[in-house]
Amino acid sequence: MKLVLNTLAPLLILTAAVPCANASVLIFRANPDGPFTNDSPVPAGYGNNIAGPTQGGFRYETTGEVTPNIVVSYSNDRIYNSDYGDLGSVIYSAGPTLTLVFTADPGFLVRLDSFDMAGFGGSGETIPTISVTNGSTTFTQSGLVAPGTGHNTVTVSGNPSNSSTGEIVTLSISDVSNGLSGFTNFQFSQIPEPSQFALLGLSALGFVAFRRRSA
């Protein structure tokens, strides 16, 4: 029994050391909690290397852990703080396509989990195309509705192409230049690359073999 316990110990340590998925939510609020200026661009650095719910002049929500190894960039995106269904601060597109790009540091992957959307001023809006790509695969949905009351949640992770996870994940929402659709609560996660787990596993197995030879 002692040999069995000694053999299993490194694997138990390995299991405890493996980090869980860390998630952050972009809510487009300033710190201390308050709005950014209506119709202003998303501030540079918002969403980058999140280490907690408040960071510098920015505020986020966090689920479980955080995303210190992810940066986020935006294109044509502006902030508005009311009148989109029951949502708070949202982003809308000032150009033909609203785009968010999530980029992970080496050794990590980023996964886009979900986001919320609603129409402006009580009017529902049909979204022509939502696409998610990780550089090798793309998943597309068409005809989803941003309701004028309440909101819809779009779940991205787990789509059939698995395009929501990669070193770089790009979300594009097209043909929304009229600003009548708002988007917020972008939840994304960071996870170690599978190669990191493999290296830890090989190290643990090597240690187990050494202990067996020494027993």
N, C-alpha and C. Protein backbone atom coordinates (compact mmCIF):
# COMPACT_ATOMS: atom_id res chain seq x y z
N MET A 1 0.84 -1.21 0.00
CA MET A 1 0.00 0.00 0.00
C MET A 1 0.86 1.25 0.00
N LYS A 2 1.99 1.20 0.73
CA LYS A 2 2.87 2.36 0.79
C LYS A 2 3.43 2.67 -0.59
N LEU A 3 3.80 1.60 -1.35
CA LEU A 3 4.32 1.82 -2.69
C LEU A 3 3.27 2.42 -3.59
N VAL A 4 2.04 1.94 -3.47
CA VAL A 4 0.96 2.49 -4.30
C VAL A 4 0.75 3.96 -3.99
N LEU A 5 0.71 4.33 -2.73
CA LEU A 5 0.51 5.73 -2.36
C LEU A 5 1.68 6.59 -2.84
N ASN A 6 2.90 6.09 -2.71
CA ASN A 6 4.05 6.85 -3.18
C ASN A 6 4.02 7.03 -4.69
N THR A 7 3.51 6.02 -5.39
CA THR A 7 3.42 6.12 -6.84
C THR A 7 2.38 7.12 -7.28
N LEU A 8 1.26 7.14 -6.57
CA LEU A 8 0.16 8.03 -6.94
C LEU A 8 0.41 9.46 -6.53
N ALA A 9 1.25 9.70 -5.55
CA ALA A 9 1.42 11.04 -5.01
C ALA A 9 1.78 12.08 -6.06
N PRO A 10 2.77 11.81 -6.96
CA PRO A 10 3.08 12.84 -7.97
C PRO A 10 1.90 13.17 -8.87
N LEU A 11 1.08 12.13 -9.18
CA LEU A 11 -0.07 12.39 -10.04
C LEU A 11 -1.11 13.24 -9.31
N LEU A 12 -1.27 13.01 -8.01
CA LEU A 12 -2.19 13.83 -7.25
C LEU A 12 -1.71 15.27 -7.19
N ILE A 13 -0.39 15.45 -7.02
CA ILE A 13 0.17 16.80 -7.01
C ILE A 13 -0.05 17.46 -8.36
N LEU A 14 0.16 16.69 -9.44
CA LEU A 14 -0.04 17.22 -10.79
C LEU A 14 -1.47 17.68 -10.98
N THR A 15 -2.43 16.85 -10.53
CA THR A 15 -3.84 17.22 -10.68
C THR A 15 -4.15 18.51 -9.96
N ALA A 16 -3.61 18.69 -8.77
CA ALA A 16 -3.87 19.90 -8.00
C ALA A 16 -3.24 21.11 -8.64
N ALA A 17 -2.12 20.89 -9.38
CA ALA A 17 -1.38 22.02 -9.94
C ALA A 17 -1.95 22.49 -11.26
N VAL A 18 -2.76 21.64 -11.95
CA VAL A 18 -3.28 22.03 -13.25
C VAL A 18 -4.29 23.15 -13.08
N PRO A 19 -4.09 24.33 -13.73
CA PRO A 19 -5.01 25.44 -13.54
C PRO A 19 -6.33 25.23 -14.24
N CYS A 20 -7.40 25.72 -13.66
CA CYS A 20 -8.72 25.66 -14.29
C CYS A 20 -8.85 26.80 -15.29
N ALA A 21 -9.89 26.75 -16.11
CA ALA A 21 -10.14 27.84 -17.04
C ALA A 21 -10.44 29.11 -16.27
N ASN A 22 -9.83 30.20 -16.70
CA ASN A 22 -10.01 31.50 -16.05
C ASN A 22 -10.87 32.36 -16.95
N ALA A 23 -11.89 33.04 -16.40
CA ALA A 23 -12.84 33.77 -17.22
C ALA A 23 -12.99 35.22 -16.77
N SER A 24 -13.17 36.11 -17.75
CA SER A 24 -13.47 37.51 -17.49
C SER A 24 -14.65 37.92 -18.36
N VAL A 25 -15.34 39.01 -17.93
CA VAL A 25 -16.50 39.50 -18.68
C VAL A 25 -16.32 41.00 -18.94
N LEU A 26 -16.39 41.39 -20.19
CA LEU A 26 -16.28 42.80 -20.57
C LEU A 26 -17.63 43.47 -20.42
N ILE A 27 -17.73 44.46 -19.53
CA ILE A 27 -18.99 45.14 -19.27
C ILE A 27 -18.93 46.62 -19.64
N PHE A 28 -17.76 47.09 -20.09
CA PHE A 28 -17.58 48.45 -20.60
C PHE A 28 -17.99 49.53 -19.59
N ARG A 29 -17.42 49.37 -18.40
CA ARG A 29 -17.63 50.33 -17.33
C ARG A 29 -16.29 50.86 -16.84
N ALA A 30 -16.33 52.08 -16.31
CA ALA A 30 -15.13 52.70 -15.75
C ALA A 30 -15.00 52.33 -14.28
N ASN A 31 -13.84 52.57 -13.72
CA ASN A 31 -13.58 52.34 -12.29
C ASN A 31 -13.18 53.67 -11.65
N PRO A 32 -13.82 54.14 -10.55
CA PRO A 32 -14.90 53.43 -9.84
C PRO A 32 -16.14 53.31 -10.72
N ASP A 33 -17.03 52.38 -10.34
CA ASP A 33 -18.12 51.98 -11.24
C ASP A 33 -18.88 53.17 -11.78
N GLY A 34 -18.82 53.34 -13.06
CA GLY A 34 -19.51 54.44 -13.73
C GLY A 34 -19.38 54.29 -15.22
N PRO A 35 -20.10 55.09 -16.00
CA PRO A 35 -20.08 54.93 -17.45
C PRO A 35 -18.90 55.65 -18.11
N PHE A 36 -18.50 55.14 -19.26
CA PHE A 36 -17.67 55.91 -20.16
C PHE A 36 -18.58 56.89 -20.90
N THR A 37 -18.02 57.81 -21.64
CA THR A 37 -18.82 58.79 -22.38
C THR A 37 -19.56 58.12 -23.52
N ASN A 38 -20.86 58.44 -23.66
CA ASN A 38 -21.63 57.89 -24.77
C ASN A 38 -20.98 58.22 -26.12
N ASP A 39 -21.01 57.23 -27.00
CA ASP A 39 -20.51 57.36 -28.38
C ASP A 39 -18.99 57.49 -28.46
N SER A 40 -18.29 57.24 -27.36
CA SER A 40 -16.83 57.28 -27.40
C SER A 40 -16.28 55.92 -27.80
N PRO A 41 -15.09 55.88 -28.42
CA PRO A 41 -14.47 54.58 -28.74
C PRO A 41 -14.16 53.80 -27.46
N VAL A 42 -14.07 52.49 -27.59
CA VAL A 42 -13.64 51.67 -26.46
C VAL A 42 -12.22 52.12 -26.08
N PRO A 43 -11.97 52.44 -24.81
CA PRO A 43 -10.65 52.93 -24.40
C PRO A 43 -9.54 51.92 -24.72
N ALA A 44 -8.40 52.43 -25.15
CA ALA A 44 -7.26 51.56 -25.42
C ALA A 44 -6.89 50.77 -24.17
N GLY A 45 -6.69 49.48 -24.33
CA GLY A 45 -6.29 48.64 -23.22
C GLY A 45 -7.43 48.01 -22.46
N TYR A 46 -8.68 48.40 -22.77
CA TYR A 46 -9.80 47.80 -22.04
C TYR A 46 -9.89 46.32 -22.39
N GLY A 47 -9.83 45.46 -21.38
CA GLY A 47 -9.89 44.02 -21.58
C GLY A 47 -8.55 43.33 -21.59
N ASN A 48 -7.45 44.10 -21.53
CA ASN A 48 -6.13 43.50 -21.64
C ASN A 48 -5.63 43.01 -20.29
N ASN A 49 -5.13 41.77 -20.26
CA ASN A 49 -4.40 41.23 -19.10
C ASN A 49 -5.15 41.46 -17.79
N ILE A 50 -6.41 41.03 -17.76
CA ILE A 50 -7.27 41.29 -16.60
C ILE A 50 -6.80 40.46 -15.40
N ALA A 51 -6.54 41.15 -14.30
CA ALA A 51 -6.07 40.49 -13.08
C ALA A 51 -7.08 40.60 -11.94
N GLY A 52 -8.24 41.22 -12.18
CA GLY A 52 -9.25 41.36 -11.14
C GLY A 52 -10.40 42.21 -11.65
N PRO A 53 -11.47 42.34 -10.87
CA PRO A 53 -12.66 43.07 -11.34
C PRO A 53 -12.43 44.57 -11.52
N THR A 54 -11.43 45.13 -10.86
CA THR A 54 -11.06 46.52 -11.09
C THR A 54 -9.58 46.57 -11.42
N GLN A 55 -9.26 47.37 -12.43
CA GLN A 55 -7.87 47.44 -12.88
C GLN A 55 -7.65 48.78 -13.55
N GLY A 56 -6.82 49.62 -12.91
CA GLY A 56 -6.64 50.95 -13.45
C GLY A 56 -7.95 51.70 -13.48
N GLY A 57 -8.31 52.28 -14.61
CA GLY A 57 -9.57 53.00 -14.73
C GLY A 57 -10.70 52.16 -15.27
N PHE A 58 -10.54 50.83 -15.27
CA PHE A 58 -11.51 49.95 -15.89
C PHE A 58 -12.16 49.02 -14.87
N ARG A 59 -13.39 48.59 -15.21
CA ARG A 59 -14.11 47.63 -14.36
C ARG A 59 -14.58 46.46 -15.23
N TYR A 60 -14.54 45.27 -14.62
CA TYR A 60 -14.96 44.04 -15.30
C TYR A 60 -15.80 43.21 -14.33
N GLU A 61 -16.37 42.14 -14.86
CA GLU A 61 -16.87 41.07 -14.01
C GLU A 61 -15.96 39.87 -14.22
N THR A 62 -15.81 39.06 -13.19
CA THR A 62 -14.99 37.86 -13.32
C THR A 62 -15.77 36.66 -12.84
N THR A 63 -15.56 35.54 -13.54
CA THR A 63 -16.20 34.29 -13.12
C THR A 63 -15.09 33.32 -12.77
N GLY A 64 -15.01 32.97 -11.50
CA GLY A 64 -13.91 32.12 -11.06
C GLY A 64 -12.63 32.93 -11.02
N GLU A 65 -11.75 32.67 -11.96
CA GLU A 65 -10.46 33.35 -12.01
C GLU A 65 -10.50 34.48 -13.03
N VAL A 66 -9.33 34.85 -13.57
CA VAL A 66 -9.24 36.00 -14.47
C VAL A 66 -8.40 35.62 -15.69
N THR A 67 -8.07 36.62 -16.52
CA THR A 67 -7.41 36.35 -17.81
C THR A 67 -6.17 37.22 -17.99
N PRO A 68 -5.13 37.01 -17.18
CA PRO A 68 -3.95 37.87 -17.26
C PRO A 68 -3.10 37.66 -18.51
N ASN A 69 -3.38 36.61 -19.28
CA ASN A 69 -2.57 36.30 -20.46
C ASN A 69 -3.32 36.51 -21.76
N ILE A 70 -4.36 37.35 -21.73
CA ILE A 70 -5.16 37.63 -22.92
C ILE A 70 -5.23 39.13 -23.15
N VAL A 71 -5.13 39.56 -24.42
CA VAL A 71 -5.38 40.95 -24.78
C VAL A 71 -6.53 40.99 -25.79
N VAL A 72 -7.25 42.12 -25.79
CA VAL A 72 -8.43 42.28 -26.63
C VAL A 72 -8.28 43.55 -27.47
N SER A 73 -8.60 43.46 -28.75
CA SER A 73 -8.60 44.65 -29.61
C SER A 73 -9.95 44.78 -30.28
N TYR A 74 -10.27 46.01 -30.69
CA TYR A 74 -11.59 46.33 -31.22
C TYR A 74 -11.45 47.07 -32.55
N SER A 75 -12.51 47.02 -33.35
CA SER A 75 -12.53 47.76 -34.62
C SER A 75 -13.92 48.36 -34.81
N ASN A 76 -13.98 49.66 -35.01
CA ASN A 76 -15.24 50.36 -35.31
C ASN A 76 -16.23 50.34 -34.16
N ASP A 77 -15.75 50.12 -32.94
CA ASP A 77 -16.67 49.92 -31.82
C ASP A 77 -16.79 51.18 -30.96
N ARG A 78 -18.03 51.52 -30.57
CA ARG A 78 -18.31 52.66 -29.72
C ARG A 78 -19.15 52.21 -28.52
N ILE A 79 -19.11 52.99 -27.45
CA ILE A 79 -19.82 52.65 -26.21
C ILE A 79 -21.09 53.49 -26.08
N TYR A 80 -22.16 52.86 -25.59
CA TYR A 80 -23.38 53.57 -25.23
C TYR A 80 -23.91 52.95 -23.95
N ASN A 81 -24.55 53.77 -23.10
CA ASN A 81 -24.81 53.33 -21.73
C ASN A 81 -26.28 53.07 -21.38
N SER A 82 -27.18 53.15 -22.34
CA SER A 82 -28.59 52.92 -22.01
C SER A 82 -29.38 52.67 -23.29
N ASP A 83 -30.65 52.25 -23.10
CA ASP A 83 -31.64 52.15 -24.18
C ASP A 83 -31.46 50.95 -25.09
N TYR A 84 -30.59 50.02 -24.72
CA TYR A 84 -30.49 48.77 -25.48
C TYR A 84 -31.09 47.65 -24.64
N GLY A 85 -32.40 47.39 -24.84
CA GLY A 85 -33.08 46.37 -24.05
C GLY A 85 -32.89 46.63 -22.57
N ASP A 86 -32.59 45.57 -21.82
CA ASP A 86 -32.35 45.72 -20.38
C ASP A 86 -30.86 45.71 -20.05
N LEU A 87 -30.03 45.90 -21.07
CA LEU A 87 -28.59 45.88 -20.86
C LEU A 87 -28.10 47.23 -20.34
N GLY A 88 -26.96 47.20 -19.69
CA GLY A 88 -26.32 48.44 -19.26
C GLY A 88 -25.47 49.00 -20.37
N SER A 89 -24.18 49.16 -20.13
CA SER A 89 -23.29 49.70 -21.14
C SER A 89 -23.01 48.64 -22.21
N VAL A 90 -23.11 49.07 -23.46
CA VAL A 90 -22.90 48.17 -24.59
C VAL A 90 -21.89 48.80 -25.55
N ILE A 91 -21.46 48.01 -26.52
CA ILE A 91 -20.75 48.57 -27.67
C ILE A 91 -21.61 48.36 -28.91
N TYR A 92 -21.51 49.31 -29.83
CA TYR A 92 -22.18 49.20 -31.12
C TYR A 92 -21.16 49.52 -32.19
N SER A 93 -21.48 49.25 -33.44
CA SER A 93 -20.53 49.43 -34.52
C SER A 93 -20.69 50.78 -35.19
N ALA A 94 -19.56 51.49 -35.37
CA ALA A 94 -19.56 52.73 -36.14
C ALA A 94 -19.17 52.48 -37.59
N GLY A 95 -18.98 51.24 -37.96
CA GLY A 95 -18.65 50.86 -39.33
C GLY A 95 -19.50 49.67 -39.74
N PRO A 96 -19.21 49.07 -40.87
CA PRO A 96 -20.05 47.97 -41.34
C PRO A 96 -19.98 46.71 -40.49
N THR A 97 -18.87 46.51 -39.76
CA THR A 97 -18.67 45.28 -38.99
C THR A 97 -18.12 45.60 -37.61
N LEU A 98 -18.73 45.02 -36.59
CA LEU A 98 -18.20 45.11 -35.23
C LEU A 98 -17.27 43.92 -35.04
N THR A 99 -16.02 44.20 -34.63
CA THR A 99 -15.01 43.14 -34.54
C THR A 99 -14.30 43.21 -33.20
N LEU A 100 -14.15 42.06 -32.55
CA LEU A 100 -13.31 41.90 -31.36
C LEU A 100 -12.31 40.79 -31.65
N VAL A 101 -11.04 41.02 -31.32
CA VAL A 101 -9.99 40.03 -31.50
C VAL A 101 -9.38 39.72 -30.14
N PHE A 102 -9.41 38.45 -29.74
CA PHE A 102 -8.86 37.99 -28.47
C PHE A 102 -7.56 37.23 -28.76
N THR A 103 -6.45 37.68 -28.17
CA THR A 103 -5.14 37.09 -28.45
C THR A 103 -4.50 36.60 -27.16
N ALA A 104 -4.06 35.34 -27.17
CA ALA A 104 -3.45 34.73 -25.99
C ALA A 104 -1.93 34.81 -26.06
N ASP A 105 -1.30 34.91 -24.90
CA ASP A 105 0.16 34.81 -24.81
C ASP A 105 0.62 33.40 -25.19
N PRO A 106 1.90 33.26 -25.59
CA PRO A 106 2.42 31.91 -25.86
C PRO A 106 2.21 30.99 -24.66
N GLY A 107 1.81 29.75 -24.95
CA GLY A 107 1.55 28.78 -23.89
C GLY A 107 0.13 28.76 -23.41
N PHE A 108 -0.71 29.65 -23.95
CA PHE A 108 -2.12 29.71 -23.55
C PHE A 108 -3.02 29.73 -24.77
N LEU A 109 -4.28 29.36 -24.56
CA LEU A 109 -5.33 29.51 -25.56
C LEU A 109 -6.41 30.40 -24.98
N VAL A 110 -7.17 31.05 -25.87
CA VAL A 110 -8.31 31.85 -25.45
C VAL A 110 -9.57 31.19 -25.99
N ARG A 111 -10.64 31.22 -25.19
CA ARG A 111 -11.93 30.67 -25.61
C ARG A 111 -12.99 31.74 -25.40
N LEU A 112 -13.70 32.09 -26.46
CA LEU A 112 -14.83 33.00 -26.36
C LEU A 112 -16.06 32.20 -25.96
N ASP A 113 -16.65 32.55 -24.82
CA ASP A 113 -17.75 31.75 -24.27
C ASP A 113 -19.12 32.24 -24.71
N SER A 114 -19.41 33.54 -24.52
CA SER A 114 -20.75 34.05 -24.80
C SER A 114 -20.76 35.56 -24.79
N PHE A 115 -21.86 36.15 -25.25
CA PHE A 115 -22.09 37.59 -25.14
C PHE A 115 -23.59 37.85 -25.23
N ASP A 116 -24.00 39.06 -24.80
CA ASP A 116 -25.41 39.46 -24.83
C ASP A 116 -25.62 40.53 -25.90
N MET A 117 -26.87 40.60 -26.42
CA MET A 117 -27.18 41.62 -27.41
C MET A 117 -28.63 42.04 -27.28
N ALA A 118 -28.91 43.31 -27.66
CA ALA A 118 -30.27 43.85 -27.61
C ALA A 118 -30.38 44.97 -28.63
N GLY A 119 -31.63 45.30 -29.01
CA GLY A 119 -31.89 46.38 -29.95
C GLY A 119 -32.10 47.70 -29.23
N PHE A 120 -31.95 48.78 -29.97
CA PHE A 120 -32.02 50.13 -29.40
C PHE A 120 -33.46 50.65 -29.40
N GLY A 121 -33.82 51.36 -28.32
CA GLY A 121 -35.09 52.09 -28.27
C GLY A 121 -36.32 51.23 -28.36
N GLY A 122 -36.25 49.98 -27.87
CA GLY A 122 -37.41 49.11 -27.87
C GLY A 122 -37.66 48.40 -29.18
N SER A 123 -36.77 48.55 -30.14
CA SER A 123 -36.95 47.94 -31.45
C SER A 123 -36.01 46.75 -31.61
N GLY A 124 -36.57 45.60 -31.97
CA GLY A 124 -35.76 44.43 -32.23
C GLY A 124 -35.02 44.54 -33.55
N GLU A 125 -33.82 43.99 -33.62
CA GLU A 125 -33.00 44.03 -34.82
C GLU A 125 -32.51 42.63 -35.16
N THR A 126 -32.60 42.27 -36.43
CA THR A 126 -32.07 40.99 -36.90
C THR A 126 -30.61 41.17 -37.29
N ILE A 127 -29.74 40.32 -36.76
CA ILE A 127 -28.31 40.39 -37.04
C ILE A 127 -28.01 39.53 -38.27
N PRO A 128 -27.54 40.13 -39.36
CA PRO A 128 -27.33 39.34 -40.58
C PRO A 128 -26.35 38.19 -40.40
N THR A 129 -25.16 38.46 -39.83
CA THR A 129 -24.15 37.42 -39.73
C THR A 129 -23.29 37.60 -38.48
N ILE A 130 -23.11 36.53 -37.74
CA ILE A 130 -22.15 36.47 -36.63
C ILE A 130 -21.18 35.34 -36.95
N SER A 131 -19.87 35.65 -36.99
CA SER A 131 -18.89 34.62 -37.28
C SER A 131 -17.79 34.63 -36.24
N VAL A 132 -17.29 33.44 -35.95
CA VAL A 132 -16.19 33.26 -34.99
C VAL A 132 -15.14 32.40 -35.69
N THR A 133 -13.89 32.86 -35.67
CA THR A 133 -12.82 32.10 -36.30
C THR A 133 -11.61 32.03 -35.39
N ASN A 134 -10.90 30.91 -35.45
CA ASN A 134 -9.64 30.79 -34.72
C ASN A 134 -8.44 30.70 -35.67
N GLY A 135 -8.65 31.12 -36.91
CA GLY A 135 -7.59 31.11 -37.90
C GLY A 135 -7.61 29.91 -38.81
N SER A 136 -8.18 28.80 -38.33
CA SER A 136 -8.25 27.60 -39.17
C SER A 136 -9.68 27.15 -39.42
N THR A 137 -10.58 27.43 -38.50
CA THR A 137 -11.98 27.09 -38.69
C THR A 137 -12.87 28.28 -38.37
N THR A 138 -14.00 28.33 -39.03
CA THR A 138 -14.94 29.45 -38.85
C THR A 138 -16.34 28.89 -38.62
N PHE A 139 -17.03 29.51 -37.67
CA PHE A 139 -18.42 29.15 -37.40
C PHE A 139 -19.28 30.38 -37.64
N THR A 140 -20.38 30.23 -38.37
CA THR A 140 -21.22 31.36 -38.75
C THR A 140 -22.67 31.08 -38.39
N GLN A 141 -23.33 32.12 -37.86
CA GLN A 141 -24.78 32.06 -37.63
C GLN A 141 -25.42 33.29 -38.26
N SER A 142 -26.61 33.14 -38.77
CA SER A 142 -27.33 34.23 -39.42
C SER A 142 -28.74 34.33 -38.87
N GLY A 143 -29.27 35.56 -38.87
CA GLY A 143 -30.67 35.77 -38.55
C GLY A 143 -31.00 35.77 -37.07
N LEU A 144 -30.01 35.85 -36.18
CA LEU A 144 -30.32 35.97 -34.76
C LEU A 144 -30.89 37.35 -34.46
N VAL A 145 -31.73 37.44 -33.45
CA VAL A 145 -32.44 38.69 -33.15
C VAL A 145 -31.88 39.33 -31.89
N ALA A 146 -31.59 40.62 -31.98
CA ALA A 146 -31.29 41.44 -30.81
C ALA A 146 -32.61 42.09 -30.40
N PRO A 147 -33.25 41.62 -29.33
CA PRO A 147 -34.61 42.07 -29.01
C PRO A 147 -34.64 43.49 -28.46
N GLY A 148 -35.76 44.18 -28.67
CA GLY A 148 -35.91 45.53 -28.17
C GLY A 148 -36.17 45.58 -26.68
N THR A 149 -36.68 44.50 -26.11
CA THR A 149 -36.87 44.39 -24.65
C THR A 149 -36.10 43.17 -24.17
N GLY A 150 -35.58 43.26 -22.96
CA GLY A 150 -34.75 42.16 -22.47
C GLY A 150 -33.46 42.08 -23.27
N HIS A 151 -32.94 40.87 -23.48
CA HIS A 151 -31.75 40.68 -24.29
C HIS A 151 -31.66 39.21 -24.68
N ASN A 152 -30.86 38.91 -25.65
CA ASN A 152 -30.53 37.54 -26.01
C ASN A 152 -29.08 37.27 -25.67
N THR A 153 -28.81 36.06 -25.19
CA THR A 153 -27.44 35.62 -24.93
C THR A 153 -27.01 34.66 -26.03
N VAL A 154 -25.90 34.96 -26.67
CA VAL A 154 -25.35 34.11 -27.72
C VAL A 154 -24.23 33.29 -27.11
N THR A 155 -24.41 31.97 -27.08
CA THR A 155 -23.37 31.07 -26.57
C THR A 155 -22.48 30.65 -27.72
N VAL A 156 -21.21 30.96 -27.60
CA VAL A 156 -20.26 30.73 -28.69
C VAL A 156 -19.47 29.45 -28.49
N SER A 157 -18.97 29.21 -27.27
CA SER A 157 -18.15 28.02 -27.03
C SER A 157 -18.98 26.76 -27.25
N GLY A 158 -18.33 25.73 -27.74
CA GLY A 158 -19.02 24.48 -28.00
C GLY A 158 -19.68 24.42 -29.36
N ASN A 159 -19.43 25.42 -30.24
CA ASN A 159 -20.02 25.35 -31.57
C ASN A 159 -19.40 24.18 -32.35
N PRO A 160 -20.10 23.68 -33.37
CA PRO A 160 -19.65 22.44 -34.04
C PRO A 160 -18.23 22.50 -34.60
N SER A 161 -17.77 23.67 -35.03
CA SER A 161 -16.43 23.75 -35.62
C SER A 161 -15.34 23.95 -34.58
N ASN A 162 -15.73 24.17 -33.32
CA ASN A 162 -14.77 24.45 -32.24
C ASN A 162 -13.92 25.67 -32.55
N SER A 163 -14.48 26.61 -33.29
CA SER A 163 -13.71 27.79 -33.69
C SER A 163 -13.57 28.81 -32.57
N SER A 164 -14.23 28.59 -31.44
CA SER A 164 -14.20 29.57 -30.36
C SER A 164 -12.95 29.49 -29.51
N THR A 165 -12.07 28.51 -29.75
CA THR A 165 -10.86 28.33 -28.97
C THR A 165 -9.64 28.34 -29.88
N GLY A 166 -8.61 29.12 -29.49
CA GLY A 166 -7.39 29.17 -30.27
C GLY A 166 -6.41 30.16 -29.68
N GLU A 167 -5.25 30.29 -30.32
CA GLU A 167 -4.29 31.31 -29.89
C GLU A 167 -4.83 32.71 -30.18
N ILE A 168 -5.58 32.84 -31.27
CA ILE A 168 -6.27 34.09 -31.62
C ILE A 168 -7.69 33.73 -32.02
N VAL A 169 -8.67 34.36 -31.39
CA VAL A 169 -10.08 34.14 -31.74
C VAL A 169 -10.69 35.48 -32.14
N THR A 170 -11.33 35.53 -33.31
CA THR A 170 -11.91 36.76 -33.83
C THR A 170 -13.42 36.62 -33.92
N LEU A 171 -14.14 37.56 -33.32
CA LEU A 171 -15.59 37.65 -33.43
C LEU A 171 -15.94 38.80 -34.37
N SER A 172 -16.71 38.51 -35.41
CA SER A 172 -17.15 39.54 -36.35
C SER A 172 -18.67 39.52 -36.44
N ILE A 173 -19.27 40.69 -36.28
CA ILE A 173 -20.73 40.82 -36.40
C ILE A 173 -20.97 41.83 -37.51
N SER A 174 -21.53 41.37 -38.63
CA SER A 174 -21.54 42.18 -39.85
C SER A 174 -22.86 42.90 -40.07
N ASP A 175 -22.76 43.96 -40.89
CA ASP A 175 -23.93 44.74 -41.34
C ASP A 175 -24.73 45.30 -40.16
N VAL A 176 -24.02 45.89 -39.20
CA VAL A 176 -24.68 46.50 -38.04
C VAL A 176 -24.26 47.96 -37.91
N SER A 177 -23.99 48.61 -39.04
CA SER A 177 -23.46 49.97 -39.02
C SER A 177 -24.49 51.02 -38.61
N ASN A 178 -25.78 50.64 -38.55
CA ASN A 178 -26.79 51.62 -38.14
C ASN A 178 -26.79 51.88 -36.63
N GLY A 179 -26.02 51.13 -35.87
CA GLY A 179 -25.92 51.36 -34.43
C GLY A 179 -27.14 50.94 -33.64
N LEU A 180 -28.07 50.23 -34.26
CA LEU A 180 -29.31 49.87 -33.58
C LEU A 180 -29.22 48.55 -32.82
N SER A 181 -28.06 47.91 -32.86
CA SER A 181 -27.83 46.68 -32.10
C SER A 181 -26.64 46.90 -31.18
N GLY A 182 -26.82 46.57 -29.89
CA GLY A 182 -25.76 46.74 -28.91
C GLY A 182 -25.33 45.40 -28.34
N PHE A 183 -24.06 45.31 -27.95
CA PHE A 183 -23.47 44.04 -27.52
C PHE A 183 -22.63 44.27 -26.27
N THR A 184 -22.70 43.34 -25.33
CA THR A 184 -21.95 43.49 -24.09
C THR A 184 -21.81 42.13 -23.40
N ASN A 185 -21.20 42.15 -22.20
CA ASN A 185 -21.02 40.94 -21.39
C ASN A 185 -20.30 39.84 -22.18
N PHE A 186 -19.23 40.24 -22.86
CA PHE A 186 -18.42 39.27 -23.58
C PHE A 186 -17.62 38.46 -22.56
N GLN A 187 -17.98 37.20 -22.41
CA GLN A 187 -17.25 36.33 -21.47
C GLN A 187 -16.23 35.51 -22.25
N PHE A 188 -14.98 35.57 -21.80
CA PHE A 188 -13.93 34.80 -22.45
C PHE A 188 -13.03 34.19 -21.39
N SER A 189 -12.35 33.11 -21.76
CA SER A 189 -11.56 32.33 -20.82
C SER A 189 -10.16 32.11 -21.37
N GLN A 190 -9.20 31.93 -20.47
CA GLN A 190 -7.88 31.48 -20.89
C GLN A 190 -7.63 30.09 -20.32
N ILE A 191 -7.02 29.25 -21.14
CA ILE A 191 -6.70 27.89 -20.72
C ILE A 191 -5.29 27.57 -21.21
N PRO A 192 -4.55 26.74 -20.48
CA PRO A 192 -3.22 26.34 -20.96
C PRO A 192 -3.33 25.53 -22.24
N GLU A 193 -2.33 25.66 -23.10
CA GLU A 193 -2.29 24.83 -24.30
C GLU A 193 -2.14 23.36 -23.91
N PRO A 194 -2.69 22.43 -24.70
CA PRO A 194 -2.54 21.00 -24.39
C PRO A 194 -1.09 20.58 -24.21
N SER A 195 -0.16 21.22 -24.93
CA SER A 195 1.25 20.84 -24.81
C SER A 195 1.77 21.07 -23.40
N GLN A 196 1.21 22.09 -22.70
CA GLN A 196 1.64 22.33 -21.33
C GLN A 196 1.21 21.19 -20.42
N PHE A 197 -0.01 20.66 -20.63
CA PHE A 197 -0.45 19.50 -19.86
C PHE A 197 0.42 18.29 -20.15
N ALA A 198 0.79 18.11 -21.44
CA ALA A 198 1.60 16.96 -21.83
C ALA A 198 2.96 16.99 -21.14
N LEU A 199 3.58 18.17 -21.09
CA LEU A 199 4.88 18.28 -20.44
C LEU A 199 4.78 17.96 -18.95
N LEU A 200 3.72 18.47 -18.30
CA LEU A 200 3.53 18.16 -16.89
C LEU A 200 3.30 16.67 -16.68
N GLY A 201 2.52 16.06 -17.58
CA GLY A 201 2.25 14.63 -17.45
C GLY A 201 3.50 13.80 -17.62
N LEU A 202 4.33 14.13 -18.61
CA LEU A 202 5.58 13.40 -18.82
C LEU A 202 6.51 13.53 -17.63
N SER A 203 6.56 14.73 -17.06
CA SER A 203 7.41 14.93 -15.88
C SER A 203 6.94 14.06 -14.72
N ALA A 204 5.61 14.01 -14.53
CA ALA A 204 5.08 13.20 -13.43
C ALA A 204 5.33 11.72 -13.65
N LEU A 205 5.15 11.25 -14.90
CA LEU A 205 5.37 9.83 -15.17
C LEU A 205 6.84 9.47 -14.99
N GLY A 206 7.73 10.37 -15.40
CA GLY A 206 9.15 10.12 -15.19
C GLY A 206 9.49 10.01 -13.73
N PHE A 207 8.87 10.86 -12.92
CA PHE A 207 9.11 10.82 -11.48
C PHE A 207 8.59 9.52 -10.89
N VAL A 208 7.42 9.07 -11.36
CA VAL A 208 6.85 7.81 -10.88
C VAL A 208 7.79 6.66 -11.20
N ALA A 209 8.32 6.63 -12.44
CA ALA A 209 9.23 5.55 -12.83
C ALA A 209 10.49 5.56 -11.98
N PHE A 210 11.00 6.74 -11.67
CA PHE A 210 12.18 6.84 -10.83
C PHE A 210 11.90 6.29 -9.44
N ARG A 211 10.74 6.61 -8.88
CA ARG A 211 10.39 6.14 -7.54
C ARG A 211 10.25 4.62 -7.53
N ARG A 212 9.71 4.07 -8.63
CA ARG A 212 9.54 2.60 -8.69
C ARG A 212 10.90 1.91 -8.70
N ARG A 213 11.84 2.45 -9.48
CA ARG A 213 13.17 1.85 -9.55
C ARG A 213 13.89 1.94 -8.21
N SER A 214 13.59 3.01 -7.47
CA SER A 214 14.28 3.23 -6.22
C SER A 214 13.66 2.45 -5.06
N ALA A 215 12.43 1.95 -5.27
CA ALA A 215 11.72 1.27 -4.17
C ALA A 215 12.33 -0.11 -3.86
